[in-house]
């Protein structure tokens, strides 16, 4: 991804910058943040990339589904 981010990555980062306390599962991000306009596979890939770049963090949720949120330390 590097300097040229996909539209999905851009939309996720825009959402968390406007809502810095937002946190959700892959399915929740696709449904609520992106309004179902993206495939879950693409959202998973983009989130993995954003986590590897330190822009988002992944934590274990209550139901063992990972939760993604803005890395406010990065």
C-alpha atoms as a PDB file:
ATOM      1  CA  UNK A   1       0.000   0.000   0.000  1.00  0.00           C
ATOM      2  CA  UNK A   2       2.656   2.515   0.993  1.00  0.00           C
ATOM      3  CA  UNK A   3       1.924   6.116   0.028  1.00  0.00           C
ATOM      4  CA  UNK A   4      -0.891   5.184  -2.336  1.00  0.00           C
ATOM      5  CA  UNK A   5      -3.629   3.734  -0.182  1.00  0.00           C
ATOM      6  CA  UNK A   6      -6.705   1.962  -1.420  1.00  0.00           C
ATOM      7  CA  UNK A   7     -10.050   3.701  -1.121  1.00  0.00           C
ATOM      8  CA  UNK A   8     -10.964   1.204   1.604  1.00  0.00           C
ATOM      9  CA  UNK A   9      -7.902   2.142   3.663  1.00  0.00           C
ATOM     10  CA  UNK A  10      -8.594   5.829   3.120  1.00  0.00           C
ATOM     11  CA  UNK A  11     -12.228   5.447   4.201  1.00  0.00           C
ATOM     12  CA  UNK A  12     -11.291   3.482   7.343  1.00  0.00           C
ATOM     13  CA  UNK A  13      -8.618   6.010   8.351  1.00  0.00           C
ATOM     14  CA  UNK A  14     -10.980   8.923   7.673  1.00  0.00           C
ATOM     15  CA  UNK A  15     -13.619   7.311   9.870  1.00  0.00           C
ATOM     16  CA  UNK A  16     -11.289   6.737  12.825  1.00  0.00           C
ATOM     17  CA  UNK A  17      -9.849  10.227  12.575  1.00  0.00           C
ATOM     18  CA  UNK A  18     -13.371  11.659  12.715  1.00  0.00           C
ATOM     19  CA  UNK A  19     -14.356   9.156  15.450  1.00  0.00           C
ATOM     20  CA  UNK A  20     -11.104   8.490  17.374  1.00  0.00           C
ATOM     21  CA  UNK A  21     -12.795   6.316  20.012  1.00  0.00           C
ATOM     22  CA  UNK A  22     -14.456   4.049  17.443  1.00  0.00           C
ATOM     23  CA  UNK A  23     -13.642   0.333  17.653  1.00  0.00           C
ATOM     24  CA  UNK A  24     -15.333  -2.598  15.917  1.00  0.00           C
ATOM     25  CA  UNK A  25     -14.984  -6.041  14.355  1.00  0.00           C
ATOM     26  CA  UNK A  26     -14.282  -6.584  10.655  1.00  0.00           C
ATOM     27  CA  UNK A  27     -17.986  -7.192  10.106  1.00  0.00           C
ATOM     28  CA  UNK A  28     -18.958  -4.083  12.069  1.00  0.00           C
ATOM     29  CA  UNK A  29     -16.465  -1.944  10.185  1.00  0.00           C
ATOM     30  CA  UNK A  30     -17.795  -3.167   6.842  1.00  0.00           C
ATOM     31  CA  UNK A  31     -21.427  -2.696   7.906  1.00  0.00           C
ATOM     32  CA  UNK A  32     -21.357   0.495   9.969  1.00  0.00           C
ATOM     33  CA  UNK A  33     -18.222   2.418   9.040  1.00  0.00           C
ATOM     34  CA  UNK A  34     -18.219   1.587   5.331  1.00  0.00           C
ATOM     35  CA  UNK A  35     -21.959   0.906   4.957  1.00  0.00           C
ATOM     36  CA  UNK A  36     -21.531  -2.563   3.395  1.00  0.00           C
ATOM     37  CA  UNK A  37     -19.898  -1.139   0.314  1.00  0.00           C
ATOM     38  CA  UNK A  38     -16.820  -3.345   0.552  1.00  0.00           C
ATOM     39  CA  UNK A  39     -16.184  -7.063   0.634  1.00  0.00           C
ATOM     40  CA  UNK A  40     -15.192  -8.496   4.013  1.00  0.00           C
ATOM     41  CA  UNK A  41     -12.078 -10.063   2.482  1.00  0.00           C
ATOM     42  CA  UNK A  42     -10.851  -6.667   1.318  1.00  0.00           C
ATOM     43  CA  UNK A  43     -11.633  -5.073   4.695  1.00  0.00           C
ATOM     44  CA  UNK A  44      -9.654  -7.838   6.474  1.00  0.00           C
ATOM     45  CA  UNK A  45      -6.670  -7.328   4.144  1.00  0.00           C
ATOM     46  CA  UNK A  46      -6.715  -3.557   4.541  1.00  0.00           C
ATOM     47  CA  UNK A  47      -7.008  -3.779   8.328  1.00  0.00           C
ATOM     48  CA  UNK A  48      -4.072  -6.210   8.462  1.00  0.00           C
ATOM     49  CA  UNK A  49      -2.008  -3.741   6.432  1.00  0.00           C
ATOM     50  CA  UNK A  50      -3.016  -0.778   8.608  1.00  0.00           C
ATOM     51  CA  UNK A  51      -2.120  -2.772  11.745  1.00  0.00           C
ATOM     52  CA  UNK A  52       1.271  -3.710  10.271  1.00  0.00           C
ATOM     53  CA  UNK A  53       1.903  -0.027   9.514  1.00  0.00           C
ATOM     54  CA  UNK A  54       1.032   0.893  13.103  1.00  0.00           C
ATOM     55  CA  UNK A  55      -1.935   3.074  12.133  1.00  0.00           C
ATOM     56  CA  UNK A  56      -4.571   0.771  13.649  1.00  0.00           C
ATOM     57  CA  UNK A  57      -4.392  -1.692  16.533  1.00  0.00           C
ATOM     58  CA  UNK A  58      -6.047  -5.074  16.916  1.00  0.00           C
ATOM     59  CA  UNK A  59      -7.268  -6.297  20.308  1.00  0.00           C
ATOM     60  CA  UNK A  60      -9.214  -9.361  21.355  1.00  0.00           C
ATOM     61  CA  UNK A  61     -12.889  -8.595  21.893  1.00  0.00           C
ATOM     62  CA  UNK A  62     -15.220 -10.144  24.466  1.00  0.00           C
ATOM     63  CA  UNK A  63     -16.482 -12.769  22.022  1.00  0.00           C
ATOM     64  CA  UNK A  64     -12.922 -13.552  20.814  1.00  0.00           C
ATOM     65  CA  UNK A  65     -13.457 -11.628  17.583  1.00  0.00           C
ATOM     66  CA  UNK A  66     -10.697  -9.097  17.022  1.00  0.00           C
ATOM     67  CA  UNK A  67     -11.588  -5.437  17.481  1.00  0.00           C
ATOM     68  CA  UNK A  68      -9.808  -2.779  15.437  1.00  0.00           C
ATOM     69  CA  UNK A  69      -9.276   0.833  16.427  1.00  0.00           C
ATOM     70  CA  UNK A  70      -7.066   3.823  15.751  1.00  0.00           C
ATOM     71  CA  UNK A  71      -3.562   3.597  17.193  1.00  0.00           C
ATOM     72  CA  UNK A  72      -3.561   6.927  18.980  1.00  0.00           C
ATOM     73  CA  UNK A  73       0.079   6.441  20.027  1.00  0.00           C
ATOM     74  CA  UNK A  74       1.294   6.105  16.433  1.00  0.00           C
END
